[in-house]
Amino acid sequence: MVILIVEDEADIARLIRLYLEKEGFTCEVCEDGENAMLYQQTLLPNLVILDVMIHKLDGLEVWDSIR
């Protein structure tokens, strides 16, 4: 299972990734809405963990477009 983590706080993203990879998941991290859109289209993740308050495009805009 591939998980896309969209989080602009590096420490939080690193912690989420650490715990998920420890459980056997494959994770990719991006830190803004524009990159989240690109990653989502190429990576086709099974799950997206999305921060609402991120740079460029906010999480709600990203959610609306990938939903």
Foldseek 3Di string as FASTA:
>chain_A
DEEEEAAQPVVVVVVVCVVVVVVPYHYDYDHALVVVLVCCVVVVGPYYHAAQDGPDHGRVVSVVVVD
